[in-house]
């Protein structure tokens, strides 16, 4: 018998080979890395599939007004004299369809002497009473038209004091500085209503 051949008993007596710790550690590390990566990939995939949040609707402002009411704007229509009626019709026929971004709206009475724009309504009334101006009252000259201002809790009321027929512009505080809205109206007034020739001393450029 070959001397190198060992009996089964001798082979059984040999201690078992120790497991390879290096390979086992590498497997554990690979598993520890793979699980978080898989979770991250899954989360990213779900976020891509989820519907996007709808964009917030823009809030209305003076430059981006909200929906405009279709209801007529409540306005008074006092009786006008013959000359006033002619002048006011001329003014109303020349007013623009919109003032800046504000579209014109219907009025409840006196469309030949009243106009309204936007919501809240900015209004133009022709033919009312001119205010009594004191010597120390502050007046505003806008595009060659002299305005007298009265501040209310919600609106600024501007009334012309240098025209043969007075015009009153009411500007809600929502729209900011009232005089900036007087500019386009003043341009139409100059074309439609003659100067009274007796403007207060404060109406200077």
Protein backbone atom coordinates (compact mmCIF):
# COMPACT_ATOMS: atom_id res chain seq x y z
CA UNK A 1 0.00 0.00 0.00
CA UNK A 2 1.22 3.45 -0.81
CA UNK A 3 2.60 5.10 2.30
CA UNK A 4 1.12 8.49 1.43
CA UNK A 5 -2.41 7.14 1.43
CA UNK A 6 -4.09 7.91 4.72
CA UNK A 7 -6.84 5.94 6.27
CA UNK A 8 -10.33 7.41 6.70
CA UNK A 9 -9.70 7.47 10.43
CA UNK A 10 -6.67 9.67 9.99
CA UNK A 11 -8.60 12.07 7.77
CA UNK A 12 -11.43 12.30 10.28
CA UNK A 13 -8.95 13.15 13.03
CA UNK A 14 -7.71 16.23 11.10
CA UNK A 15 -9.29 19.49 12.42
CA UNK A 16 -11.87 21.24 10.14
CA UNK A 17 -10.68 24.16 8.11
CA UNK A 18 -11.54 27.56 9.72
CA UNK A 19 -14.01 29.75 7.77
CA UNK A 20 -12.59 32.63 5.76
CA UNK A 21 -13.32 35.71 7.96
CA UNK A 22 -12.19 38.12 5.26
CA UNK A 23 -14.83 37.00 2.77
CA UNK A 24 -17.55 37.06 5.44
CA UNK A 25 -16.71 40.62 6.53
CA UNK A 26 -16.72 41.83 2.94
CA UNK A 27 -20.17 40.31 2.40
CA UNK A 28 -21.52 42.00 5.51
CA UNK A 29 -20.13 45.37 4.40
CA UNK A 30 -21.59 44.98 0.92
CA UNK A 31 -25.00 44.18 2.40
CA UNK A 32 -24.84 47.13 4.77
CA UNK A 33 -24.08 49.46 1.87
CA UNK A 34 -26.56 47.97 -0.58
CA UNK A 35 -29.63 48.22 1.68
CA UNK A 36 -29.50 52.02 2.27
CA UNK A 37 -28.72 52.62 -1.39
CA UNK A 38 -31.71 50.56 -2.43
CA UNK A 39 -33.94 52.45 0.01
CA UNK A 40 -32.67 55.78 -1.34
CA UNK A 41 -33.30 54.76 -4.93
CA UNK A 42 -36.81 53.63 -4.02
CA UNK A 43 -37.58 56.91 -2.28
CA UNK A 44 -36.37 58.92 -5.25
CA UNK A 45 -38.48 56.84 -7.61
CA UNK A 46 -41.59 57.38 -5.49
CA UNK A 47 -40.98 61.12 -5.32
CA UNK A 48 -40.72 61.28 -9.11
CA UNK A 49 -43.99 59.41 -9.48
CA UNK A 50 -45.86 61.53 -6.93
CA UNK A 51 -47.96 64.36 -8.44
CA UNK A 52 -46.44 67.81 -8.19
CA UNK A 53 -47.99 70.34 -5.84
CA UNK A 54 -50.17 72.80 -7.79
CA UNK A 55 -48.68 76.27 -8.11
CA UNK A 56 -50.16 78.79 -5.73
CA UNK A 57 -52.65 81.09 -7.40
CA UNK A 58 -51.42 84.70 -7.62
CA UNK A 59 -53.03 87.03 -5.14
CA UNK A 60 -54.84 90.03 -6.56
CA UNK A 61 -53.15 93.37 -6.35
CA UNK A 62 -53.22 96.76 -7.94
CA UNK A 63 -51.14 95.45 -10.83
CA UNK A 64 -52.70 92.02 -10.98
CA UNK A 65 -56.39 92.47 -10.11
CA UNK A 66 -58.62 89.53 -9.28
CA UNK A 67 -61.92 88.63 -10.96
CA UNK A 68 -64.04 91.74 -11.59
CA UNK A 69 -67.64 91.77 -10.42
CA UNK A 70 -70.24 92.04 -13.18
CA UNK A 71 -72.74 93.84 -10.92
CA UNK A 72 -73.29 97.55 -11.67
CA UNK A 73 -71.46 99.92 -9.34
CA UNK A 74 -73.82 101.90 -7.12
CA UNK A 75 -73.49 105.61 -7.94
CA UNK A 76 -75.75 108.62 -7.47
CA UNK A 77 -76.93 110.65 -10.46
CA UNK A 78 -77.88 114.15 -9.34
CA UNK A 79 -79.80 116.38 -11.69
CA UNK A 80 -77.46 118.34 -13.96
CA UNK A 81 -77.93 121.72 -15.52
CA UNK A 82 -78.06 121.94 -19.30
CA UNK A 83 -74.46 123.06 -19.67
CA UNK A 84 -73.20 120.53 -17.12
CA UNK A 85 -75.01 117.73 -18.91
CA UNK A 86 -73.35 118.65 -22.22
CA UNK A 87 -69.90 118.86 -20.62
CA UNK A 88 -70.28 115.59 -18.74
CA UNK A 89 -71.45 113.72 -21.84
CA UNK A 90 -68.37 114.99 -23.64
CA UNK A 91 -66.13 113.80 -20.79
CA UNK A 92 -67.75 110.36 -20.50
CA UNK A 93 -67.50 109.80 -24.25
CA UNK A 94 -63.75 110.40 -24.08
CA UNK A 95 -62.94 108.27 -21.01
CA UNK A 96 -60.93 105.13 -21.87
CA UNK A 97 -62.31 101.60 -21.73
CA UNK A 98 -59.79 100.87 -18.99
CA UNK A 99 -57.64 102.89 -16.63
CA UNK A 100 -54.29 101.18 -16.45
CA UNK A 101 -55.23 97.52 -15.74
CA UNK A 102 -58.76 98.25 -14.49
CA UNK A 103 -61.60 97.51 -16.98
CA UNK A 104 -64.62 99.78 -17.11
CA UNK A 105 -67.79 98.55 -15.40
CA UNK A 106 -71.48 99.43 -15.64
CA UNK A 107 -72.94 101.91 -13.16
CA UNK A 108 -76.33 101.79 -11.46
CA UNK A 109 -77.36 105.29 -12.57
CA UNK A 110 -76.24 108.17 -14.74
CA UNK A 111 -73.99 106.52 -17.33
CA UNK A 112 -73.84 109.91 -19.07
CA UNK A 113 -72.14 111.40 -16.00
CA UNK A 114 -70.65 108.45 -14.08
CA UNK A 115 -68.03 105.83 -14.81
CA UNK A 116 -66.47 103.02 -12.77
CA UNK A 117 -63.40 100.82 -13.16
CA UNK A 118 -62.16 97.64 -11.51
CA UNK A 119 -63.15 95.85 -8.31
CA UNK A 120 -63.10 97.46 -5.77
CA UNK A 121 -64.52 100.19 -7.94
CA UNK A 122 -62.58 103.32 -8.81
CA UNK A 123 -65.22 105.87 -9.82
CA UNK A 124 -65.43 109.06 -11.87
CA UNK A 125 -68.40 111.36 -11.24
CA UNK A 126 -69.00 114.48 -13.35
CA UNK A 127 -71.15 117.45 -12.43
CA UNK A 128 -71.04 117.43 -8.64
CA UNK A 129 -70.45 120.43 -6.40
CA UNK A 130 -66.96 121.89 -6.34
CA UNK A 131 -65.38 121.89 -2.86
CA UNK A 132 -64.75 125.09 -0.93
CA UNK A 133 -60.99 125.53 -0.86
CA UNK A 134 -59.33 127.44 1.95
CA UNK A 135 -56.17 129.48 1.34
CA UNK A 136 -54.04 127.04 3.30
CA UNK A 137 -55.50 123.87 1.74
CA UNK A 138 -53.02 121.75 -0.16
CA UNK A 139 -53.84 121.22 -3.83
CA UNK A 140 -52.32 118.85 -6.37
CA UNK A 141 -51.63 119.72 -10.00
CA UNK A 142 -51.69 116.57 -12.15
CA UNK A 143 -51.38 116.85 -15.93
CA UNK A 144 -52.57 120.47 -15.85
CA UNK A 145 -55.63 119.68 -13.71
CA UNK A 146 -55.86 120.95 -10.13
CA UNK A 147 -57.24 118.45 -7.58
CA UNK A 148 -58.39 118.86 -3.99
CA UNK A 149 -58.01 115.68 -1.89
CA UNK A 150 -60.07 114.38 1.03
CA UNK A 151 -58.85 111.21 2.77
CA UNK A 152 -61.54 108.79 3.91
CA UNK A 153 -61.21 105.54 5.86
CA UNK A 154 -61.25 103.43 2.67
CA UNK A 155 -60.90 105.84 -0.25
CA UNK A 156 -59.24 109.06 -1.31
CA UNK A 157 -61.65 111.50 -2.93
CA UNK A 158 -60.11 113.89 -5.47
CA UNK A 159 -62.19 116.74 -6.91
CA UNK A 160 -61.21 119.23 -9.58
CA UNK A 161 -61.24 122.90 -8.56
CA UNK A 162 -60.17 124.58 -11.80
CA UNK A 163 -62.80 123.37 -14.31
CA UNK A 164 -66.13 124.85 -15.35
CA UNK A 165 -67.74 121.58 -14.24
CA UNK A 166 -66.32 119.67 -11.29
CA UNK A 167 -65.20 116.05 -11.61
CA UNK A 168 -64.71 113.75 -8.60
CA UNK A 169 -62.42 110.74 -8.69
CA UNK A 170 -62.71 108.23 -5.84
CA UNK A 171 -59.74 105.89 -5.47
CA UNK A 172 -59.90 102.96 -2.99
CA UNK A 173 -56.81 102.71 -0.77
CA UNK A 174 -56.39 99.19 -2.19
CA UNK A 175 -54.85 100.80 -5.29
CA UNK A 176 -52.19 102.76 -3.41
CA UNK A 177 -51.32 106.38 -4.16
CA UNK A 178 -54.44 108.10 -5.49
CA UNK A 179 -52.67 110.74 -7.58
CA UNK A 180 -51.14 108.13 -9.88
CA UNK A 181 -54.70 107.20 -10.94
CA UNK A 182 -55.60 110.86 -11.47
CA UNK A 183 -53.07 111.17 -14.29
CA UNK A 184 -55.02 109.37 -17.09
CA UNK A 185 -58.30 110.98 -15.97
CA UNK A 186 -56.67 114.41 -15.98
CA UNK A 187 -55.60 113.96 -19.59
CA UNK A 188 -59.23 113.32 -20.61
CA UNK A 189 -60.50 116.24 -18.52
CA UNK A 190 -58.12 118.67 -20.26
CA UNK A 191 -59.51 117.54 -23.64
CA UNK A 192 -63.17 117.68 -22.58
CA UNK A 193 -63.74 120.39 -19.94
CA UNK A 194 -62.67 123.99 -20.17
CA UNK A 195 -60.76 125.70 -17.39
CA UNK A 196 -62.90 127.88 -15.13
CA UNK A 197 -60.36 130.69 -15.31
CA UNK A 198 -60.62 131.20 -11.54
CA UNK A 199 -58.40 128.45 -10.20
CA UNK A 200 -57.28 128.77 -6.54
CA UNK A 201 -53.87 130.25 -5.91
CA UNK A 202 -52.50 126.82 -4.90
CA UNK A 203 -53.00 125.47 -8.42
CA UNK A 204 -49.54 126.20 -9.72
CA UNK A 205 -46.98 124.02 -11.40
